N, C-alpha and C. Protein backbone atom coordinates (compact mmCIF):
# COMPACT_ATOMS: atom_id res chain seq x y z
N MET A 1 89.26 169.60 51.31
CA MET A 1 89.70 168.24 51.10
C MET A 1 88.56 167.25 51.30
N LYS A 2 87.62 167.59 52.20
CA LYS A 2 86.50 166.67 52.44
C LYS A 2 85.64 166.51 51.20
N TRP A 3 85.55 167.56 50.38
CA TRP A 3 84.75 167.47 49.16
C TRP A 3 85.43 166.55 48.15
N PHE A 4 86.74 166.63 48.07
CA PHE A 4 87.49 165.76 47.17
C PHE A 4 87.29 164.29 47.56
N LEU A 5 87.41 164.01 48.85
CA LEU A 5 87.24 162.64 49.32
C LEU A 5 85.80 162.15 49.12
N LYS A 6 84.85 163.06 49.27
CA LYS A 6 83.45 162.70 49.03
C LYS A 6 83.25 162.28 47.57
N CYS A 7 83.87 163.00 46.65
CA CYS A 7 83.77 162.65 45.23
C CYS A 7 84.47 161.34 44.92
N ILE A 8 85.59 161.09 45.57
CA ILE A 8 86.31 159.84 45.35
C ILE A 8 85.47 158.67 45.86
N ARG A 9 84.81 158.83 47.01
CA ARG A 9 83.96 157.77 47.54
C ARG A 9 82.75 157.53 46.64
N ASN A 10 82.24 158.57 46.00
CA ASN A 10 81.06 158.46 45.13
C ASN A 10 81.45 158.38 43.66
N TYR A 11 82.53 157.71 43.34
CA TYR A 11 83.09 157.76 42.00
C TYR A 11 82.20 157.14 40.92
N VAL A 12 81.24 156.31 41.28
CA VAL A 12 80.33 155.75 40.27
C VAL A 12 78.89 156.16 40.54
N ASN A 13 78.69 157.15 41.36
CA ASN A 13 77.35 157.64 41.66
C ASN A 13 77.01 158.76 40.68
N PHE A 14 76.24 158.43 39.66
CA PHE A 14 75.87 159.42 38.65
C PHE A 14 74.46 159.96 38.90
N SER A 15 73.87 159.65 40.03
CA SER A 15 72.54 160.17 40.35
C SER A 15 72.67 161.15 41.52
N GLY A 16 71.68 161.96 41.67
CA GLY A 16 71.70 162.95 42.72
C GLY A 16 72.26 164.28 42.23
N ARG A 17 72.62 165.12 43.18
CA ARG A 17 73.07 166.47 42.85
C ARG A 17 74.35 166.79 43.60
N ALA A 18 75.17 167.64 43.00
CA ALA A 18 76.39 168.12 43.65
C ALA A 18 76.42 169.63 43.56
N ARG A 19 76.68 170.26 44.67
CA ARG A 19 76.71 171.72 44.67
C ARG A 19 78.02 172.23 44.08
N ARG A 20 78.09 173.53 43.82
CA ARG A 20 79.29 174.12 43.22
C ARG A 20 80.53 173.89 44.05
N ARG A 21 80.40 174.02 45.35
CA ARG A 21 81.55 173.86 46.24
C ARG A 21 82.15 172.45 46.08
N GLU A 22 81.30 171.45 46.01
CA GLU A 22 81.78 170.07 45.84
C GLU A 22 82.54 169.92 44.53
N TYR A 23 81.97 170.42 43.44
CA TYR A 23 82.59 170.26 42.13
C TYR A 23 83.93 171.00 42.05
N TRP A 24 83.93 172.27 42.42
CA TRP A 24 85.14 173.07 42.24
C TRP A 24 86.25 172.69 43.22
N ASN A 25 85.91 172.22 44.41
CA ASN A 25 86.94 171.70 45.31
C ASN A 25 87.54 170.42 44.74
N PHE A 26 86.70 169.58 44.13
CA PHE A 26 87.22 168.39 43.49
C PHE A 26 88.18 168.76 42.35
N VAL A 27 87.80 169.75 41.55
CA VAL A 27 88.67 170.18 40.45
C VAL A 27 89.99 170.72 40.99
N LEU A 28 89.93 171.51 42.05
CA LEU A 28 91.15 172.08 42.64
C LEU A 28 92.09 170.98 43.14
N PHE A 29 91.59 170.06 43.94
CA PHE A 29 92.45 169.02 44.49
C PHE A 29 92.89 168.02 43.42
N SER A 30 92.08 167.83 42.39
CA SER A 30 92.50 166.99 41.27
C SER A 30 93.67 167.62 40.54
N ALA A 31 93.58 168.93 40.32
CA ALA A 31 94.68 169.63 39.65
C ALA A 31 95.95 169.55 40.49
N LEU A 32 95.82 169.71 41.79
CA LEU A 32 96.99 169.61 42.66
C LEU A 32 97.58 168.20 42.63
N LEU A 33 96.73 167.18 42.62
CA LEU A 33 97.21 165.80 42.55
C LEU A 33 97.93 165.53 41.23
N VAL A 34 97.40 166.05 40.14
CA VAL A 34 98.03 165.86 38.83
C VAL A 34 99.38 166.60 38.78
N ILE A 35 99.46 167.78 39.36
CA ILE A 35 100.72 168.52 39.39
C ILE A 35 101.77 167.76 40.20
N VAL A 36 101.37 167.22 41.35
CA VAL A 36 102.30 166.42 42.16
C VAL A 36 102.75 165.20 41.37
N ALA A 37 101.83 164.55 40.66
CA ALA A 37 102.19 163.38 39.84
C ALA A 37 103.17 163.77 38.74
N MET A 38 102.98 164.92 38.12
CA MET A 38 103.90 165.37 37.08
C MET A 38 105.29 165.65 37.66
N ILE A 39 105.33 166.26 38.82
CA ILE A 39 106.62 166.54 39.45
C ILE A 39 107.33 165.24 39.81
N LEU A 40 106.59 164.28 40.35
CA LEU A 40 107.19 162.98 40.66
C LEU A 40 107.72 162.30 39.40
N ASP A 41 106.98 162.39 38.31
CA ASP A 41 107.44 161.82 37.05
C ASP A 41 108.73 162.49 36.59
N LEU A 42 108.79 163.81 36.68
CA LEU A 42 109.99 164.53 36.25
C LEU A 42 111.19 164.16 37.12
N ILE A 43 110.96 164.01 38.42
CA ILE A 43 112.06 163.64 39.32
C ILE A 43 112.52 162.21 39.05
N CYS A 44 111.56 161.31 38.89
CA CYS A 44 111.90 159.88 38.76
C CYS A 44 112.30 159.47 37.34
N PHE A 45 111.61 160.01 36.33
CA PHE A 45 111.79 159.53 34.96
C PHE A 45 112.30 160.59 33.99
N GLY A 46 112.25 161.84 34.37
CA GLY A 46 112.70 162.91 33.48
C GLY A 46 111.64 163.35 32.48
N ARG A 47 110.46 162.78 32.54
CA ARG A 47 109.35 163.15 31.65
C ARG A 47 108.04 162.70 32.29
N ASN A 48 106.92 163.18 31.76
CA ASN A 48 105.61 162.76 32.28
C ASN A 48 105.29 161.37 31.75
N SER A 49 105.01 160.44 32.64
CA SER A 49 104.67 159.11 32.18
C SER A 49 103.82 158.37 33.21
N LEU A 50 104.42 157.63 34.06
CA LEU A 50 103.73 156.68 34.93
C LEU A 50 102.77 157.34 35.92
N PHE A 51 103.28 158.19 36.79
CA PHE A 51 102.45 158.77 37.85
C PHE A 51 101.36 159.67 37.27
N TYR A 52 101.69 160.42 36.23
CA TYR A 52 100.70 161.29 35.58
C TYR A 52 99.57 160.46 34.99
N GLY A 53 99.92 159.40 34.28
CA GLY A 53 98.91 158.53 33.68
C GLY A 53 98.03 157.86 34.73
N LEU A 54 98.64 157.40 35.81
CA LEU A 54 97.87 156.77 36.88
C LEU A 54 96.93 157.77 37.55
N ALA A 55 97.41 158.99 37.77
CA ALA A 55 96.55 160.02 38.39
C ALA A 55 95.37 160.34 37.49
N CYS A 56 95.60 160.46 36.19
CA CYS A 56 94.51 160.76 35.26
C CYS A 56 93.50 159.62 35.21
N LEU A 57 93.97 158.39 35.18
CA LEU A 57 93.06 157.24 35.20
C LEU A 57 92.27 157.17 36.50
N PHE A 58 92.94 157.46 37.62
CA PHE A 58 92.30 157.43 38.92
C PHE A 58 91.18 158.49 39.02
N LEU A 59 91.39 159.65 38.40
CA LEU A 59 90.45 160.76 38.54
C LEU A 59 89.37 160.80 37.47
N PHE A 60 89.46 159.96 36.44
CA PHE A 60 88.54 160.05 35.31
C PHE A 60 87.08 159.79 35.73
N LEU A 61 86.79 158.64 36.33
CA LEU A 61 85.41 158.33 36.72
C LEU A 61 84.88 159.27 37.81
N PRO A 62 85.66 159.58 38.85
CA PRO A 62 85.13 160.54 39.83
C PRO A 62 84.80 161.90 39.19
N HIS A 63 85.61 162.33 38.23
CA HIS A 63 85.32 163.61 37.58
C HIS A 63 84.04 163.53 36.77
N LEU A 64 83.85 162.45 36.03
CA LEU A 64 82.61 162.29 35.27
C LEU A 64 81.39 162.28 36.19
N SER A 65 81.49 161.55 37.30
CA SER A 65 80.32 161.44 38.18
C SER A 65 80.00 162.77 38.86
N VAL A 66 81.01 163.49 39.32
CA VAL A 66 80.72 164.77 39.98
C VAL A 66 80.23 165.79 38.96
N MET A 67 80.71 165.71 37.73
CA MET A 67 80.23 166.62 36.69
C MET A 67 78.76 166.30 36.36
N ALA A 68 78.41 165.02 36.31
CA ALA A 68 77.02 164.64 36.06
C ALA A 68 76.12 165.14 37.18
N ARG A 69 76.56 164.95 38.43
CA ARG A 69 75.74 165.42 39.55
C ARG A 69 75.66 166.94 39.58
N ARG A 70 76.72 167.63 39.16
CA ARG A 70 76.69 169.10 39.10
C ARG A 70 75.68 169.57 38.05
N LEU A 71 75.66 168.90 36.90
CA LEU A 71 74.66 169.23 35.88
C LEU A 71 73.25 168.97 36.39
N HIS A 72 73.07 167.88 37.15
CA HIS A 72 71.76 167.61 37.75
C HIS A 72 71.35 168.73 38.68
N ASP A 73 72.29 169.30 39.41
CA ASP A 73 71.96 170.38 40.34
C ASP A 73 71.44 171.61 39.60
N THR A 74 71.90 171.81 38.37
CA THR A 74 71.42 172.96 37.59
C THR A 74 70.18 172.61 36.77
N GLY A 75 69.66 171.39 36.94
CA GLY A 75 68.44 170.99 36.25
C GLY A 75 68.68 170.43 34.86
N ARG A 76 69.92 170.11 34.52
CA ARG A 76 70.24 169.57 33.20
C ARG A 76 70.53 168.08 33.30
N SER A 77 70.25 167.37 32.24
CA SER A 77 70.52 165.94 32.19
C SER A 77 72.01 165.70 32.00
N ALA A 78 72.52 164.63 32.59
CA ALA A 78 73.92 164.28 32.44
C ALA A 78 74.19 163.66 31.08
N LYS A 79 73.14 163.39 30.31
CA LYS A 79 73.34 162.86 28.96
C LYS A 79 74.05 163.87 28.06
N ILE A 80 74.06 165.12 28.46
CA ILE A 80 74.80 166.15 27.72
C ILE A 80 76.28 165.81 27.69
N LEU A 81 76.76 165.14 28.76
CA LEU A 81 78.17 164.75 28.82
C LEU A 81 78.55 163.84 27.66
N ILE A 82 77.63 162.98 27.23
CA ILE A 82 77.91 162.09 26.10
C ILE A 82 78.22 162.91 24.86
N TRP A 83 77.42 163.93 24.63
CA TRP A 83 77.67 164.79 23.46
C TRP A 83 78.97 165.56 23.59
N TYR A 84 79.24 166.03 24.80
CA TYR A 84 80.48 166.77 25.04
C TYR A 84 81.69 165.91 24.71
N TYR A 85 81.71 164.70 25.23
CA TYR A 85 82.86 163.83 24.97
C TYR A 85 82.87 163.29 23.55
N ALA A 86 81.70 163.18 22.92
CA ALA A 86 81.68 162.78 21.50
C ALA A 86 82.33 163.86 20.64
N VAL A 87 82.02 165.12 20.91
CA VAL A 87 82.63 166.23 20.18
C VAL A 87 84.13 166.25 20.44
N TRP A 88 84.52 166.05 21.69
CA TRP A 88 85.94 166.02 22.04
C TRP A 88 86.65 164.89 21.31
N PHE A 89 86.05 163.70 21.29
CA PHE A 89 86.65 162.54 20.64
C PHE A 89 86.83 162.78 19.14
N VAL A 90 85.82 163.32 18.47
CA VAL A 90 85.91 163.61 17.04
C VAL A 90 87.01 164.63 16.78
N TRP A 91 87.11 165.64 17.63
CA TRP A 91 88.12 166.68 17.46
C TRP A 91 89.52 166.09 17.60
N VAL A 92 89.73 165.24 18.59
CA VAL A 92 91.04 164.62 18.79
C VAL A 92 91.38 163.71 17.60
N ILE A 93 90.42 162.95 17.13
CA ILE A 93 90.65 162.08 15.97
C ILE A 93 91.03 162.93 14.76
N ALA A 94 90.36 164.06 14.57
CA ALA A 94 90.69 164.95 13.45
C ALA A 94 92.11 165.49 13.58
N LEU A 95 92.51 165.84 14.80
CA LEU A 95 93.88 166.31 15.01
C LEU A 95 94.90 165.22 14.70
N VAL A 96 94.61 164.01 15.13
CA VAL A 96 95.53 162.89 14.87
C VAL A 96 95.62 162.63 13.37
N LEU A 97 94.48 162.62 12.69
CA LEU A 97 94.48 162.38 11.25
C LEU A 97 95.23 163.47 10.49
N SER A 98 95.07 164.72 10.94
CA SER A 98 95.80 165.79 10.27
C SER A 98 97.31 165.64 10.48
N GLY A 99 97.71 165.24 11.68
CA GLY A 99 99.13 165.02 11.94
C GLY A 99 99.68 163.86 11.13
N VAL A 100 98.93 162.78 11.03
CA VAL A 100 99.37 161.63 10.24
C VAL A 100 99.45 162.01 8.77
N SER A 101 98.49 162.78 8.30
CA SER A 101 98.49 163.21 6.89
C SER A 101 99.72 164.05 6.58
N VAL A 102 100.06 164.95 7.47
CA VAL A 102 101.23 165.80 7.25
C VAL A 102 102.51 164.97 7.28
N VAL A 103 102.60 164.03 8.21
CA VAL A 103 103.80 163.20 8.31
C VAL A 103 103.96 162.31 7.08
N LEU A 104 102.87 161.71 6.62
CA LEU A 104 102.96 160.78 5.51
C LEU A 104 103.10 161.46 4.15
N ASN A 105 102.44 162.58 3.97
CA ASN A 105 102.38 163.19 2.64
C ASN A 105 103.12 164.52 2.53
N GLY A 106 103.67 165.02 3.57
CA GLY A 106 104.35 166.31 3.52
C GLY A 106 103.41 167.43 3.95
N ALA A 107 103.99 168.55 4.31
CA ALA A 107 103.22 169.67 4.87
C ALA A 107 102.22 170.26 3.90
N GLY A 108 102.50 170.25 2.61
CA GLY A 108 101.61 170.87 1.64
C GLY A 108 100.48 169.97 1.16
N SER A 109 100.37 168.76 1.73
CA SER A 109 99.41 167.80 1.22
C SER A 109 98.04 167.86 1.88
N MET A 110 97.87 168.63 2.95
CA MET A 110 96.61 168.67 3.65
C MET A 110 95.57 169.43 2.82
N SER A 111 94.42 168.82 2.60
CA SER A 111 93.39 169.43 1.77
C SER A 111 92.74 170.60 2.50
N THR A 112 92.25 171.55 1.73
CA THR A 112 91.59 172.73 2.29
C THR A 112 90.31 172.34 3.01
N GLY A 113 89.56 171.40 2.43
CA GLY A 113 88.31 170.96 3.07
C GLY A 113 88.55 170.35 4.43
N PHE A 114 89.62 169.57 4.53
CA PHE A 114 89.94 168.95 5.81
C PHE A 114 90.35 170.01 6.83
N LEU A 115 91.10 171.02 6.40
CA LEU A 115 91.49 172.11 7.31
C LEU A 115 90.26 172.88 7.80
N VAL A 116 89.33 173.13 6.89
CA VAL A 116 88.10 173.84 7.27
C VAL A 116 87.32 173.01 8.28
N LEU A 117 87.23 171.70 8.04
CA LEU A 117 86.54 170.80 8.96
C LEU A 117 87.23 170.78 10.32
N LEU A 118 88.54 170.75 10.32
CA LEU A 118 89.30 170.75 11.56
C LEU A 118 89.09 172.04 12.35
N ILE A 119 89.12 173.16 11.67
CA ILE A 119 88.92 174.46 12.34
C ILE A 119 87.49 174.58 12.85
N ALA A 120 86.52 174.16 12.04
CA ALA A 120 85.11 174.21 12.46
C ALA A 120 84.89 173.33 13.69
N GLY A 121 85.48 172.14 13.68
CA GLY A 121 85.37 171.27 14.85
C GLY A 121 86.01 171.87 16.08
N SER A 122 87.12 172.56 15.91
CA SER A 122 87.78 173.21 17.03
C SER A 122 86.91 174.31 17.62
N VAL A 123 86.25 175.07 16.75
CA VAL A 123 85.36 176.14 17.22
C VAL A 123 84.16 175.54 17.96
N VAL A 124 83.59 174.46 17.42
CA VAL A 124 82.46 173.80 18.09
C VAL A 124 82.89 173.31 19.46
N PHE A 125 84.06 172.69 19.55
CA PHE A 125 84.56 172.21 20.83
C PHE A 125 84.76 173.36 21.81
N LEU A 126 85.29 174.45 21.37
CA LEU A 126 85.51 175.62 22.22
C LEU A 126 84.18 176.18 22.74
N VAL A 127 83.21 176.34 21.85
CA VAL A 127 81.90 176.89 22.25
C VAL A 127 81.22 175.94 23.23
N TRP A 128 81.27 174.64 22.95
CA TRP A 128 80.66 173.64 23.83
C TRP A 128 81.32 173.68 25.21
N SER A 129 82.63 173.86 25.25
CA SER A 129 83.35 173.94 26.52
C SER A 129 82.95 175.19 27.31
N ILE A 130 82.71 176.28 26.61
CA ILE A 130 82.27 177.51 27.29
C ILE A 130 80.89 177.31 27.90
N PHE A 131 79.98 176.64 27.16
CA PHE A 131 78.66 176.33 27.72
C PHE A 131 78.81 175.51 29.00
N PHE A 132 79.66 174.48 28.98
CA PHE A 132 79.85 173.66 30.16
C PHE A 132 80.41 174.48 31.31
N LEU A 133 81.35 175.34 31.04
CA LEU A 133 81.93 176.17 32.10
C LEU A 133 80.86 177.04 32.73
N VAL A 134 80.00 177.63 31.93
CA VAL A 134 78.92 178.48 32.46
C VAL A 134 77.96 177.63 33.28
N TRP A 135 77.59 176.45 32.78
CA TRP A 135 76.66 175.59 33.51
C TRP A 135 77.25 175.13 34.84
N LEU A 136 78.55 174.83 34.84
CA LEU A 136 79.19 174.36 36.07
C LEU A 136 79.37 175.47 37.09
N CYS A 137 79.35 176.73 36.64
CA CYS A 137 79.47 177.88 37.55
C CYS A 137 78.12 178.41 37.99
N THR A 138 77.05 177.97 37.34
CA THR A 138 75.71 178.46 37.64
C THR A 138 75.22 177.87 38.95
N ALA A 139 74.49 178.66 39.71
CA ALA A 139 73.92 178.17 40.96
C ALA A 139 72.89 177.09 40.66
N GLY A 140 72.79 176.13 41.55
CA GLY A 140 71.82 175.05 41.39
C GLY A 140 70.41 175.53 41.63
N THR A 141 69.45 174.72 41.21
CA THR A 141 68.06 175.06 41.44
C THR A 141 67.76 174.97 42.93
N VAL A 142 67.00 175.91 43.43
CA VAL A 142 66.65 175.94 44.84
C VAL A 142 65.54 174.93 45.08
N GLY A 143 65.69 174.15 46.13
CA GLY A 143 64.70 173.14 46.45
C GLY A 143 64.90 171.89 45.62
N GLU A 144 63.96 170.99 45.73
CA GLU A 144 64.07 169.71 45.04
C GLU A 144 63.78 169.88 43.55
N ASN A 145 64.55 169.17 42.74
CA ASN A 145 64.24 169.09 41.31
C ASN A 145 64.10 167.62 40.94
N LYS A 146 63.97 167.30 39.66
CA LYS A 146 63.71 165.91 39.26
C LYS A 146 64.90 164.98 39.51
N TYR A 147 66.06 165.53 39.88
CA TYR A 147 67.23 164.71 40.14
C TYR A 147 67.49 164.47 41.62
N GLY A 148 66.70 165.09 42.48
CA GLY A 148 66.85 164.84 43.91
C GLY A 148 66.70 166.11 44.73
N PRO A 149 66.89 165.96 46.05
CA PRO A 149 66.75 167.13 46.94
C PRO A 149 67.93 168.09 46.80
N ASP A 150 67.70 169.30 47.24
CA ASP A 150 68.73 170.34 47.20
C ASP A 150 69.87 169.96 48.14
N PRO A 151 71.11 169.85 47.65
CA PRO A 151 72.22 169.44 48.52
C PRO A 151 72.57 170.49 49.57
N LYS A 152 72.13 171.72 49.43
CA LYS A 152 72.45 172.75 50.41
C LYS A 152 71.53 172.71 51.62
N GLN A 153 70.35 172.11 51.49
CA GLN A 153 69.37 172.18 52.56
C GLN A 153 69.77 171.41 53.81
N ASN A 154 70.27 170.21 53.66
CA ASN A 154 70.57 169.39 54.84
C ASN A 154 72.06 169.23 55.07
N GLU A 155 72.83 170.21 54.72
CA GLU A 155 74.28 170.08 54.82
C GLU A 155 74.81 171.13 55.79
N GLU A 156 75.80 170.70 56.58
CA GLU A 156 76.46 171.64 57.48
C GLU A 156 77.47 172.45 56.68
N LEU A 157 77.56 173.73 56.95
CA LEU A 157 78.52 174.58 56.26
C LEU A 157 79.80 174.53 56.93
């Protein structure tokens, strides 16, 4: 829990390094918080709405910052996150456009080229996500790197 609170306190700190324990504990407690928010929504409203949305908004910046610091720990620039979210954004827009096209023109109206583009974008998003998962699971560089000192050196276990 202390790692989760550390990430919440550093929600706009995109510099420095974060070790694996910090990142994955944040992910664990974030998932638990989102599940509790979903349960509260189901109890109070009968569907996911208010509490789920607030939890996601609350966790968005802390997640970005801890992910950036985790990438710094592995020696990678956090600018990679821009590309990751750009690919994600394009993929979501393509999904929305395909849904709108089907609704407006009927199921048989979607062009083959658009379907190929949608599938190719989905594959790119999947591969990019796998790269991120591997990078986030990789051990950080030992000692100081260009993003700061090793977070394991001066930390109590």
